[in-house]
Amino acid sequence: GLLAGRFLTGVGAGLANVVTPMYIAEISPAKLRGLFGTFYQLATCAGILLMYILGATVDWRVAAATGAVMGAAIAVVGQAGL
């Protein structure tokens, strides 16, 4: 159960990190393509760094809740088209 869930989550995250930059590059204007691609990578690394810091300083439940809230906020903003 848990191992399969972790495996599928890893596969999904890996696929997203391949497909998303390609999609961004395809829809971005040529003048802004590098900026948008770089911002995506920086945001990904900043999120990983934040979770490493939280994981080292707070209980795992707080870190998990923080990740869930941030993911939900991104989903809401994305659906609103902001």
N, C-alpha and C. Protein backbone atom coordinates (compact mmCIF):
# COMPACT_ATOMS: atom_id res chain seq x y z
N GLY A 1 0.81 -1.19 0.00
CA GLY A 1 0.00 0.00 0.00
C GLY A 1 0.86 1.25 0.00
N LEU A 2 1.59 1.45 1.10
CA LEU A 2 2.38 2.67 1.24
C LEU A 2 3.51 2.72 0.22
N LEU A 3 4.16 1.58 0.01
CA LEU A 3 5.26 1.54 -0.94
C LEU A 3 4.77 1.82 -2.36
N ALA A 4 3.64 1.26 -2.72
CA ALA A 4 3.08 1.51 -4.05
C ALA A 4 2.69 2.98 -4.21
N GLY A 5 2.13 3.56 -3.16
CA GLY A 5 1.77 4.98 -3.20
C GLY A 5 2.99 5.87 -3.37
N ARG A 6 4.06 5.55 -2.65
CA ARG A 6 5.29 6.33 -2.79
C ARG A 6 5.88 6.18 -4.18
N PHE A 7 5.82 4.97 -4.73
CA PHE A 7 6.32 4.73 -6.08
C PHE A 7 5.54 5.54 -7.10
N LEU A 8 4.22 5.50 -7.02
CA LEU A 8 3.38 6.23 -7.97
C LEU A 8 3.55 7.74 -7.83
N THR A 9 3.71 8.21 -6.60
CA THR A 9 3.95 9.63 -6.38
C THR A 9 5.28 10.05 -7.01
N GLY A 10 6.30 9.23 -6.86
CA GLY A 10 7.60 9.53 -7.46
C GLY A 10 7.55 9.54 -8.97
N VAL A 11 6.83 8.58 -9.55
CA VAL A 11 6.69 8.54 -11.01
C VAL A 11 5.95 9.78 -11.49
N GLY A 12 4.88 10.14 -10.80
CA GLY A 12 4.11 11.33 -11.17
C GLY A 12 4.93 12.60 -11.08
N ALA A 13 5.71 12.73 -10.00
CA ALA A 13 6.55 13.92 -9.84
C ALA A 13 7.64 13.96 -10.91
N GLY A 14 8.21 12.82 -11.22
CA GLY A 14 9.23 12.77 -12.26
C GLY A 14 8.68 13.14 -13.62
N LEU A 15 7.52 12.62 -13.95
CA LEU A 15 6.89 12.96 -15.23
C LEU A 15 6.53 14.44 -15.30
N ALA A 16 6.02 14.98 -14.20
CA ALA A 16 5.66 16.39 -14.17
C ALA A 16 6.88 17.28 -14.38
N ASN A 17 8.03 16.87 -13.85
CA ASN A 17 9.25 17.67 -14.00
C ASN A 17 9.85 17.55 -15.39
N VAL A 18 9.35 16.66 -16.21
CA VAL A 18 9.78 16.58 -17.61
C VAL A 18 8.78 17.31 -18.50
N VAL A 19 7.52 17.07 -18.28
CA VAL A 19 6.48 17.59 -19.16
C VAL A 19 6.25 19.09 -18.95
N THR A 20 6.26 19.55 -17.72
CA THR A 20 5.96 20.95 -17.43
C THR A 20 6.92 21.93 -18.10
N PRO A 21 8.25 21.74 -17.99
CA PRO A 21 9.13 22.69 -18.69
C PRO A 21 8.95 22.68 -20.21
N MET A 22 8.64 21.52 -20.76
CA MET A 22 8.38 21.46 -22.22
C MET A 22 7.12 22.25 -22.56
N TYR A 23 6.09 22.09 -21.75
CA TYR A 23 4.85 22.83 -21.99
C TYR A 23 5.08 24.33 -21.86
N ILE A 24 5.81 24.72 -20.82
CA ILE A 24 6.11 26.14 -20.62
C ILE A 24 6.88 26.69 -21.82
N ALA A 25 7.85 25.94 -22.31
CA ALA A 25 8.64 26.39 -23.46
C ALA A 25 7.78 26.51 -24.71
N GLU A 26 6.80 25.65 -24.86
CA GLU A 26 5.94 25.69 -26.06
C GLU A 26 4.98 26.87 -26.04
N ILE A 27 4.44 27.23 -24.88
CA ILE A 27 3.42 28.28 -24.85
C ILE A 27 3.98 29.66 -24.57
N SER A 28 5.25 29.76 -24.16
CA SER A 28 5.84 31.05 -23.81
C SER A 28 6.25 31.81 -25.07
N PRO A 29 6.13 33.14 -25.01
CA PRO A 29 6.69 33.92 -26.11
C PRO A 29 8.21 33.72 -26.16
N ALA A 30 8.78 33.80 -27.33
CA ALA A 30 10.21 33.52 -27.50
C ALA A 30 11.08 34.39 -26.62
N LYS A 31 10.69 35.65 -26.42
CA LYS A 31 11.49 36.56 -25.60
C LYS A 31 11.47 36.21 -24.13
N LEU A 32 10.44 35.51 -23.66
CA LEU A 32 10.29 35.21 -22.23
C LEU A 32 10.51 33.73 -21.91
N ARG A 33 10.83 32.95 -22.91
CA ARG A 33 10.95 31.50 -22.72
C ARG A 33 11.99 31.13 -21.66
N GLY A 34 13.14 31.74 -21.70
CA GLY A 34 14.19 31.45 -20.72
C GLY A 34 13.79 31.86 -19.31
N LEU A 35 13.15 33.01 -19.20
CA LEU A 35 12.70 33.49 -17.90
C LEU A 35 11.70 32.53 -17.28
N PHE A 36 10.71 32.11 -18.05
CA PHE A 36 9.69 31.20 -17.52
C PHE A 36 10.26 29.84 -17.17
N GLY A 37 11.15 29.33 -18.01
CA GLY A 37 11.78 28.05 -17.72
C GLY A 37 12.64 28.10 -16.47
N THR A 38 13.38 29.19 -16.32
CA THR A 38 14.23 29.36 -15.14
C THR A 38 13.38 29.52 -13.89
N PHE A 39 12.31 30.29 -13.98
CA PHE A 39 11.45 30.48 -12.81
C PHE A 39 10.85 29.17 -12.34
N TYR A 40 10.46 28.32 -13.27
CA TYR A 40 9.90 27.02 -12.88
C TYR A 40 10.92 26.21 -12.10
N GLN A 41 12.15 26.17 -12.59
CA GLN A 41 13.20 25.40 -11.91
C GLN A 41 13.53 26.00 -10.54
N LEU A 42 13.62 27.32 -10.46
CA LEU A 42 13.90 27.97 -9.18
C LEU A 42 12.78 27.73 -8.17
N ALA A 43 11.54 27.79 -8.62
CA ALA A 43 10.41 27.54 -7.72
C ALA A 43 10.42 26.10 -7.22
N THR A 44 10.77 25.17 -8.08
CA THR A 44 10.86 23.76 -7.67
C THR A 44 11.94 23.57 -6.62
N CYS A 45 13.10 24.14 -6.86
CA CYS A 45 14.20 24.01 -5.89
C CYS A 45 13.89 24.72 -4.59
N ALA A 46 13.23 25.87 -4.65
CA ALA A 46 12.86 26.59 -3.43
C ALA A 46 11.86 25.78 -2.61
N GLY A 47 10.93 25.12 -3.28
CA GLY A 47 9.96 24.28 -2.57
C GLY A 47 10.62 23.09 -1.90
N ILE A 48 11.56 22.47 -2.58
CA ILE A 48 12.29 21.34 -1.99
C ILE A 48 13.09 21.81 -0.79
N LEU A 49 13.77 22.96 -0.92
CA LEU A 49 14.56 23.50 0.19
C LEU A 49 13.67 23.83 1.38
N LEU A 50 12.52 24.44 1.14
CA LEU A 50 11.59 24.76 2.22
C LEU A 50 11.15 23.51 2.97
N MET A 51 10.83 22.46 2.23
CA MET A 51 10.38 21.24 2.89
C MET A 51 11.50 20.54 3.65
N TYR A 52 12.74 20.63 3.15
CA TYR A 52 13.88 20.09 3.90
C TYR A 52 14.05 20.84 5.21
N ILE A 53 13.95 22.16 5.15
CA ILE A 53 14.10 22.97 6.36
C ILE A 53 12.97 22.67 7.35
N LEU A 54 11.74 22.61 6.85
CA LEU A 54 10.62 22.29 7.73
C LEU A 54 10.76 20.90 8.33
N GLY A 55 11.18 19.95 7.52
CA GLY A 55 11.34 18.58 7.99
C GLY A 55 12.37 18.46 9.10
N ALA A 56 13.37 19.33 9.07
CA ALA A 56 14.42 19.28 10.10
C ALA A 56 14.04 20.05 11.36
N THR A 57 13.04 20.91 11.28
CA THR A 57 12.73 21.78 12.42
C THR A 57 11.39 21.52 13.08
N VAL A 58 10.44 20.93 12.37
CA VAL A 58 9.10 20.73 12.96
C VAL A 58 8.71 19.25 12.84
N ASP A 59 7.61 18.91 13.48
CA ASP A 59 7.06 17.57 13.41
C ASP A 59 6.65 17.25 11.97
N TRP A 60 6.70 15.99 11.60
CA TRP A 60 6.40 15.61 10.22
C TRP A 60 4.97 15.96 9.84
N ARG A 61 4.06 15.97 10.82
CA ARG A 61 2.66 16.31 10.51
C ARG A 61 2.52 17.77 10.09
N VAL A 62 3.27 18.64 10.74
CA VAL A 62 3.25 20.06 10.37
C VAL A 62 3.84 20.25 8.97
N ALA A 63 4.93 19.57 8.68
CA ALA A 63 5.53 19.66 7.35
C ALA A 63 4.58 19.14 6.28
N ALA A 64 3.92 18.03 6.56
CA ALA A 64 2.97 17.46 5.60
C ALA A 64 1.78 18.39 5.40
N ALA A 65 1.27 18.97 6.48
CA ALA A 65 0.15 19.89 6.37
C ALA A 65 0.54 21.14 5.59
N THR A 66 1.75 21.62 5.80
CA THR A 66 2.23 22.79 5.07
C THR A 66 2.29 22.49 3.57
N GLY A 67 2.82 21.34 3.22
CA GLY A 67 2.86 20.96 1.81
C GLY A 67 1.47 20.83 1.20
N ALA A 68 0.53 20.27 1.98
CA ALA A 68 -0.84 20.11 1.48
C ALA A 68 -1.51 21.46 1.29
N VAL A 69 -1.32 22.37 2.23
CA VAL A 69 -1.93 23.70 2.12
C VAL A 69 -1.34 24.46 0.93
N MET A 70 -0.03 24.38 0.76
CA MET A 70 0.60 25.07 -0.38
C MET A 70 0.11 24.48 -1.71
N GLY A 71 0.00 23.16 -1.78
CA GLY A 71 -0.51 22.53 -3.00
C GLY A 71 -1.94 22.93 -3.29
N ALA A 72 -2.77 22.98 -2.25
CA ALA A 72 -4.17 23.39 -2.44
C ALA A 72 -4.25 24.85 -2.88
N ALA A 73 -3.41 25.71 -2.32
CA ALA A 73 -3.41 27.12 -2.70
C ALA A 73 -3.00 27.29 -4.17
N ILE A 74 -2.01 26.55 -4.59
CA ILE A 74 -1.58 26.61 -5.99
C ILE A 74 -2.69 26.12 -6.91
N ALA A 75 -3.41 25.07 -6.51
CA ALA A 75 -4.51 24.55 -7.31
C ALA A 75 -5.63 25.58 -7.43
N VAL A 76 -5.96 26.26 -6.34
CA VAL A 76 -7.03 27.26 -6.35
C VAL A 76 -6.63 28.44 -7.24
N VAL A 77 -5.41 28.90 -7.09
CA VAL A 77 -4.93 30.03 -7.91
C VAL A 77 -4.92 29.63 -9.38
N GLY A 78 -4.48 28.42 -9.67
CA GLY A 78 -4.45 27.96 -11.05
C GLY A 78 -5.83 27.85 -11.67
N GLN A 79 -6.80 27.39 -10.88
CA GLN A 79 -8.16 27.28 -11.39
C GLN A 79 -8.80 28.63 -11.58
N ALA A 80 -8.40 29.60 -10.75
CA ALA A 80 -8.95 30.95 -10.86
C ALA A 80 -8.33 31.70 -12.04
N GLY A 81 -7.23 31.18 -12.58
CA GLY A 81 -6.59 31.82 -13.72
C GLY A 81 -5.78 33.04 -13.35
N LEU A 82 -5.33 33.08 -12.11
CA LEU A 82 -4.57 34.27 -11.68
C LEU A 82 -3.14 34.14 -12.03
